[in-house]
Amino acid sequence: MAQVAQDPAPFLRLGLGSAAWLAHTIPALVAAEAGAPLAGEELVHGDVRSDNLCFISNRVVLSDG
């Protein structure tokens, strides 16, 4: 999000939020990104639902697009 804060135009072109929303929200998003623990070997997605799972042979792939 720090990169988005420096250059918000590409993010805003995605249409996921307005410039006003981003201006209001970006400080909290940057702080959350800075405080996110990234150590370890496991990934916690937090949104595992059937529409985010793809079964390929004997594997399950997590996707959230």
PDB file of N, CA and C in Angstrom:
ATOM      1  N   MET A   1       0.816  -1.195   0.000  1.00  0.00           N
ATOM      2  CA  MET A   1       0.000   0.000   0.000  1.00  0.00           C
ATOM      3  C   MET A   1       0.860   1.259   0.000  1.00  0.00           C
ATOM      4  N   ALA A   2       2.079   1.160   0.512  1.00  0.00           N
ATOM      5  CA  ALA A   2       2.962   2.322   0.480  1.00  0.00           C
ATOM      6  C   ALA A   2       3.224   2.738  -0.967  1.00  0.00           C
ATOM      7  N   GLN A   3       3.346   1.756  -1.847  1.00  0.00           N
ATOM      8  CA  GLN A   3       3.548   2.060  -3.268  1.00  0.00           C
ATOM      9  C   GLN A   3       2.303   2.722  -3.850  1.00  0.00           C
ATOM     10  N   VAL A   4       1.134   2.257  -3.456  1.00  0.00           N
ATOM     11  CA  VAL A   4      -0.119   2.868  -3.913  1.00  0.00           C
ATOM     12  C   VAL A   4      -0.212   4.304  -3.400  1.00  0.00           C
ATOM     13  N   ALA A   5       0.230   4.538  -2.174  1.00  0.00           N
ATOM     14  CA  ALA A   5       0.202   5.889  -1.613  1.00  0.00           C
ATOM     15  C   ALA A   5       1.092   6.832  -2.417  1.00  0.00           C
ATOM     16  N   GLN A   6       2.234   6.319  -2.894  1.00  0.00           N
ATOM     17  CA  GLN A   6       3.153   7.148  -3.681  1.00  0.00           C
ATOM     18  C   GLN A   6       2.612   7.446  -5.069  1.00  0.00           C
ATOM     19  N   ASP A   7       1.926   6.482  -5.666  1.00  0.00           N
ATOM     20  CA  ASP A   7       1.375   6.644  -7.015  1.00  0.00           C
ATOM     21  C   ASP A   7       0.016   5.959  -7.080  1.00  0.00           C
ATOM     22  N   PRO A   8      -1.060   6.654  -6.682  1.00  0.00           N
ATOM     23  CA  PRO A   8      -2.373   6.013  -6.602  1.00  0.00           C
ATOM     24  C   PRO A   8      -3.071   5.787  -7.948  1.00  0.00           C
ATOM     25  N   ALA A   9      -2.587   6.396  -9.010  1.00  0.00           N
ATOM     26  CA  ALA A   9      -3.293   6.327 -10.299  1.00  0.00           C
ATOM     27  C   ALA A   9      -3.541   4.900 -10.781  1.00  0.00           C
ATOM     28  N   PRO A  10      -2.543   4.012 -10.808  1.00  0.00           N
ATOM     29  CA  PRO A  10      -2.821   2.642 -11.278  1.00  0.00           C
ATOM     30  C   PRO A  10      -3.890   1.934 -10.441  1.00  0.00           C
ATOM     31  N   PHE A  11      -3.828   2.110  -9.128  1.00  0.00           N
ATOM     32  CA  PHE A  11      -4.842   1.493  -8.266  1.00  0.00           C
ATOM     33  C   PHE A  11      -6.224   2.067  -8.562  1.00  0.00           C
ATOM     34  N   LEU A  12      -6.317   3.372  -8.688  1.00  0.00           N
ATOM     35  CA  LEU A  12      -7.615   3.999  -8.932  1.00  0.00           C
ATOM     36  C   LEU A  12      -8.203   3.569 -10.274  1.00  0.00           C
ATOM     37  N   ARG A  13      -7.354   3.295 -11.256  1.00  0.00           N
ATOM     38  CA  ARG A  13      -7.849   2.823 -12.561  1.00  0.00           C
ATOM     39  C   ARG A  13      -8.533   1.466 -12.460  1.00  0.00           C
ATOM     40  N   LEU A  14      -8.245   0.703 -11.408  1.00  0.00           N
ATOM     41  CA  LEU A  14      -8.914  -0.582 -11.226  1.00  0.00           C
ATOM     42  C   LEU A  14     -10.388  -0.415 -10.887  1.00  0.00           C
ATOM     43  N   GLY A  15     -10.781   0.756 -10.428  1.00  0.00           N
ATOM     44  CA  GLY A  15     -12.181   1.006 -10.098  1.00  0.00           C
ATOM     45  C   GLY A  15     -12.630   0.366  -8.791  1.00  0.00           C
ATOM     46  N   LEU A  16     -11.689   0.038  -7.914  1.00  0.00           N
ATOM     47  CA  LEU A  16     -12.034  -0.622  -6.657  1.00  0.00           C
ATOM     48  C   LEU A  16     -12.437   0.360  -5.570  1.00  0.00           C
ATOM     49  N   GLY A  17     -12.146   1.612  -5.767  1.00  0.00           N
ATOM     50  CA  GLY A  17     -12.509   2.637  -4.787  1.00  0.00           C
ATOM     51  C   GLY A  17     -12.281   4.001  -5.403  1.00  0.00           C
ATOM     52  N   SER A  18     -12.907   4.994  -4.825  1.00  0.00           N
ATOM     53  CA  SER A  18     -12.777   6.354  -5.338  1.00  0.00           C
ATOM     54  C   SER A  18     -11.515   7.014  -4.786  1.00  0.00           C
ATOM     55  N   ALA A  19     -11.124   8.108  -5.391  1.00  0.00           N
ATOM     56  CA  ALA A  19      -9.972   8.864  -4.901  1.00  0.00           C
ATOM     57  C   ALA A  19     -10.232   9.367  -3.488  1.00  0.00           C
ATOM     58  N   ALA A  20     -11.461   9.776  -3.210  1.00  0.00           N
ATOM     59  CA  ALA A  20     -11.803  10.247  -1.864  1.00  0.00           C
ATOM     60  C   ALA A  20     -11.691   9.113  -0.848  1.00  0.00           C
ATOM     61  N   TRP A  21     -12.182   7.930  -1.211  1.00  0.00           N
ATOM     62  CA  TRP A  21     -12.078   6.773  -0.312  1.00  0.00           C
ATOM     63  C   TRP A  21     -10.618   6.441  -0.044  1.00  0.00           C
ATOM     64  N   LEU A  22      -9.803   6.428  -1.095  1.00  0.00           N
ATOM     65  CA  LEU A  22      -8.401   6.090  -0.940  1.00  0.00           C
ATOM     66  C   LEU A  22      -7.684   7.119  -0.074  1.00  0.00           C
ATOM     67  N   ALA A  23      -7.944   8.389  -0.302  1.00  0.00           N
ATOM     68  CA  ALA A  23      -7.302   9.434   0.503  1.00  0.00           C
ATOM     69  C   ALA A  23      -7.651   9.278   1.976  1.00  0.00           C
ATOM     70  N   HIS A  24      -8.883   8.895   2.254  1.00  0.00           N
ATOM     71  CA  HIS A  24      -9.328   8.705   3.637  1.00  0.00           C
ATOM     72  C   HIS A  24      -8.743   7.434   4.250  1.00  0.00           C
ATOM     73  N   THR A  25      -8.583   6.399   3.448  1.00  0.00           N
ATOM     74  CA  THR A  25      -8.235   5.070   3.934  1.00  0.00           C
ATOM     75  C   THR A  25      -6.750   4.747   3.884  1.00  0.00           C
ATOM     76  N   ILE A  26      -6.002   5.384   3.005  1.00  0.00           N
ATOM     77  CA  ILE A  26      -4.613   4.975   2.771  1.00  0.00           C
ATOM     78  C   ILE A  26      -3.739   5.017   4.025  1.00  0.00           C
ATOM     79  N   PRO A  27      -3.883   5.975   4.940  1.00  0.00           N
ATOM     80  CA  PRO A  27      -3.028   5.917   6.135  1.00  0.00           C
ATOM     81  C   PRO A  27      -3.227   4.629   6.942  1.00  0.00           C
ATOM     82  N   ALA A  28      -4.455   4.182   7.094  1.00  0.00           N
ATOM     83  CA  ALA A  28      -4.727   2.947   7.836  1.00  0.00           C
ATOM     84  C   ALA A  28      -4.208   1.733   7.074  1.00  0.00           C
ATOM     85  N   LEU A  29      -4.335   1.735   5.757  1.00  0.00           N
ATOM     86  CA  LEU A  29      -3.850   0.616   4.956  1.00  0.00           C
ATOM     87  C   LEU A  29      -2.326   0.518   4.993  1.00  0.00           C
ATOM     88  N   VAL A  30      -1.646   1.656   4.917  1.00  0.00           N
ATOM     89  CA  VAL A  30      -0.182   1.667   4.984  1.00  0.00           C
ATOM     90  C   VAL A  30       0.279   1.192   6.358  1.00  0.00           C
ATOM     91  N   ALA A  31      -0.392   1.647   7.419  1.00  0.00           N
ATOM     92  CA  ALA A  31      -0.040   1.217   8.777  1.00  0.00           C
ATOM     93  C   ALA A  31      -0.266  -0.283   8.956  1.00  0.00           C
ATOM     94  N   ALA A  32      -1.369  -0.804   8.431  1.00  0.00           N
ATOM     95  CA  ALA A  32      -1.659  -2.235   8.533  1.00  0.00           C
ATOM     96  C   ALA A  32      -0.611  -3.043   7.774  1.00  0.00           C
ATOM     97  N   GLU A  33      -0.224  -2.569   6.600  1.00  0.00           N
ATOM     98  CA  GLU A  33       0.807  -3.258   5.827  1.00  0.00           C
ATOM     99  C   GLU A  33       2.131  -3.264   6.586  1.00  0.00           C
ATOM    100  N   ALA A  34       2.502  -2.145   7.171  1.00  0.00           N
ATOM    101  CA  ALA A  34       3.772  -2.040   7.895  1.00  0.00           C
ATOM    102  C   ALA A  34       3.787  -2.940   9.126  1.00  0.00           C
ATOM    103  N   GLY A  35       2.626  -3.152   9.738  1.00  0.00           N
ATOM    104  CA  GLY A  35       2.551  -3.956  10.945  1.00  0.00           C
ATOM    105  C   GLY A  35       2.236  -5.419  10.725  1.00  0.00           C
ATOM    106  N   ALA A  36       2.087  -5.823   9.474  1.00  0.00           N
ATOM    107  CA  ALA A  36       1.738  -7.224   9.182  1.00  0.00           C
ATOM    108  C   ALA A  36       2.938  -8.126   9.420  1.00  0.00           C
ATOM    109  N   PRO A  37       2.762  -9.166  10.243  1.00  0.00           N
ATOM    110  CA  PRO A  37       3.878 -10.098  10.465  1.00  0.00           C
ATOM    111  C   PRO A  37       4.098 -10.961   9.221  1.00  0.00           C
ATOM    112  N   LEU A  38       5.308 -10.948   8.726  1.00  0.00           N
ATOM    113  CA  LEU A  38       5.616 -11.689   7.502  1.00  0.00           C
ATOM    114  C   LEU A  38       6.587 -12.837   7.736  1.00  0.00           C
ATOM    115  N   ALA A  39       6.995 -13.045   8.967  1.00  0.00           N
ATOM    116  CA  ALA A  39       7.918 -14.132   9.272  1.00  0.00           C
ATOM    117  C   ALA A  39       7.161 -15.458   9.294  1.00  0.00           C
ATOM    118  N   GLY A  40       7.870 -16.515   9.054  1.00  0.00           N
ATOM    119  CA  GLY A  40       7.257 -17.839   9.113  1.00  0.00           C
ATOM    120  C   GLY A  40       7.185 -18.499   7.763  1.00  0.00           C
ATOM    121  N   GLU A  41       6.606 -19.684   7.758  1.00  0.00           N
ATOM    122  CA  GLU A  41       6.524 -20.477   6.537  1.00  0.00           C
ATOM    123  C   GLU A  41       5.096 -20.768   6.116  1.00  0.00           C
ATOM    124  N   GLU A  42       4.128 -20.297   6.872  1.00  0.00           N
ATOM    125  CA  GLU A  42       2.729 -20.556   6.557  1.00  0.00           C
ATOM    126  C   GLU A  42       2.057 -19.282   6.068  1.00  0.00           C
ATOM    127  N   LEU A  43       1.041 -19.465   5.251  1.00  0.00           N
ATOM    128  CA  LEU A  43       0.246 -18.369   4.746  1.00  0.00           C
ATOM    129  C   LEU A  43      -1.158 -18.489   5.315  1.00  0.00           C
ATOM    130  N   VAL A  44      -1.641 -17.419   5.906  1.00  0.00           N
ATOM    131  CA  VAL A  44      -3.010 -17.394   6.409  1.00  0.00           C
ATOM    132  C   VAL A  44      -3.798 -16.462   5.507  1.00  0.00           C
ATOM    133  N   HIS A  45      -4.758 -17.021   4.824  1.00  0.00           N
ATOM    134  CA  HIS A  45      -5.532 -16.267   3.850  1.00  0.00           C
ATOM    135  C   HIS A  45      -6.685 -15.526   4.499  1.00  0.00           C
ATOM    136  N   GLY A  46      -7.397 -16.169   5.391  1.00  0.00           N
ATOM    137  CA  GLY A  46      -8.500 -15.527   6.101  1.00  0.00           C
ATOM    138  C   GLY A  46      -9.803 -15.450   5.322  1.00  0.00           C
ATOM    139  N   ASP A  47      -9.838 -15.959   4.128  1.00  0.00           N
ATOM    140  CA  ASP A  47     -11.063 -15.901   3.315  1.00  0.00           C
ATOM    141  C   ASP A  47     -11.206 -17.197   2.517  1.00  0.00           C
ATOM    142  N   VAL A  48     -10.994 -18.325   3.175  1.00  0.00           N
ATOM    143  CA  VAL A  48     -11.066 -19.599   2.480  1.00  0.00           C
ATOM    144  C   VAL A  48     -12.533 -20.001   2.342  1.00  0.00           C
ATOM    145  N   ARG A  49     -13.016 -19.928   1.126  1.00  0.00           N
ATOM    146  CA  ARG A  49     -14.394 -20.317   0.789  1.00  0.00           C
ATOM    147  C   ARG A  49     -14.322 -21.184  -0.461  1.00  0.00           C
ATOM    148  N   SER A  50     -15.403 -21.854  -0.730  1.00  0.00           N
ATOM    149  CA  SER A  50     -15.406 -22.770  -1.872  1.00  0.00           C
ATOM    150  C   SER A  50     -15.110 -22.057  -3.192  1.00  0.00           C
ATOM    151  N   ASP A  51     -15.522 -20.790  -3.326  1.00  0.00           N
ATOM    152  CA  ASP A  51     -15.262 -20.091  -4.583  1.00  0.00           C
ATOM    153  C   ASP A  51     -13.834 -19.553  -4.667  1.00  0.00           C
ATOM    154  N   ASN A  52     -13.026 -19.764  -3.629  1.00  0.00           N
ATOM    155  CA  ASN A  52     -11.616 -19.398  -3.661  1.00  0.00           C
ATOM    156  C   ASN A  52     -10.709 -20.623  -3.775  1.00  0.00           C
ATOM    157  N   LEU A  53     -11.282 -21.793  -3.988  1.00  0.00           N
ATOM    158  CA  LEU A  53     -10.507 -23.026  -4.079  1.00  0.00           C
ATOM    159  C   LEU A  53     -10.583 -23.608  -5.486  1.00  0.00           C
ATOM    160  N   CYS A  54      -9.457 -24.110  -5.952  1.00  0.00           N
ATOM    161  CA  CYS A  54      -9.397 -24.762  -7.254  1.00  0.00           C
ATOM    162  C   CYS A  54      -8.725 -26.107  -7.058  1.00  0.00           C
ATOM    163  N   PHE A  55      -9.394 -27.178  -7.413  1.00  0.00           N
ATOM    164  CA  PHE A  55      -8.858 -28.525  -7.257  1.00  0.00           C
ATOM    165  C   PHE A  55      -8.181 -28.940  -8.550  1.00  0.00           C
ATOM    166  N   ILE A  56      -6.877 -29.239  -8.460  1.00  0.00           N
ATOM    167  CA  ILE A  56      -6.078 -29.632  -9.616  1.00  0.00           C
ATOM    168  C   ILE A  56      -5.386 -30.940  -9.263  1.00  0.00           C
ATOM    169  N   SER A  57      -5.797 -32.016  -9.911  1.00  0.00           N
ATOM    170  CA  SER A  57      -5.284 -33.364  -9.600  1.00  0.00           C
ATOM    171  C   SER A  57      -5.416 -33.620  -8.113  1.00  0.00           C
ATOM    172  N   ASN A  58      -4.292 -33.807  -7.451  1.00  0.00           N
ATOM    173  CA  ASN A  58      -4.350 -34.099  -6.014  1.00  0.00           C
ATOM    174  C   ASN A  58      -3.975 -32.878  -5.170  1.00  0.00           C
ATOM    175  N   ARG A  59      -4.079 -31.685  -5.752  1.00  0.00           N
ATOM    176  CA  ARG A  59      -3.727 -30.440  -5.050  1.00  0.00           C
ATOM    177  C   ARG A  59      -4.955 -29.531  -4.941  1.00  0.00           C
ATOM    178  N   VAL A  60      -4.892 -28.673  -3.957  1.00  0.00           N
ATOM    179  CA  VAL A  60      -5.880 -27.606  -3.821  1.00  0.00           C
ATOM    180  C   VAL A  60      -5.118 -26.290  -3.920  1.00  0.00           C
ATOM    181  N   VAL A  61      -5.564 -25.414  -4.804  1.00  0.00           N
ATOM    182  CA  VAL A  61      -4.934 -24.120  -4.993  1.00  0.00           C
ATOM    183  C   VAL A  61      -5.888 -23.051  -4.484  1.00  0.00           C
ATOM    184  N   LEU A  62      -5.353 -22.159  -3.661  1.00  0.00           N
ATOM    185  CA  LEU A  62      -6.135 -21.060  -3.111  1.00  0.00           C
ATOM    186  C   LEU A  62      -5.995 -19.862  -4.029  1.00  0.00           C
ATOM    187  N   SER A  63      -7.105 -19.322  -4.456  1.00  0.00           N
ATOM    188  CA  SER A  63      -7.114 -18.194  -5.370  1.00  0.00           C
ATOM    189  C   SER A  63      -8.175 -17.209  -4.931  1.00  0.00           C
ATOM    190  N   ASP A  64      -7.880 -15.943  -4.978  1.00  0.00           N
ATOM    191  CA  ASP A  64      -8.856 -14.921  -4.604  1.00  0.00           C
ATOM    192  C   ASP A  64      -8.737 -13.785  -5.590  1.00  0.00           C
ATOM    193  N   GLY A  65      -9.431 -13.906  -6.685  1.00  0.00           N
ATOM    194  CA  GLY A  65      -9.256 -12.919  -7.733  1.00  0.00           C
ATOM    195  C   GLY A  65     -10.436 -12.107  -8.032  1.00  0.00           C
TER     196      GLY A  65
END
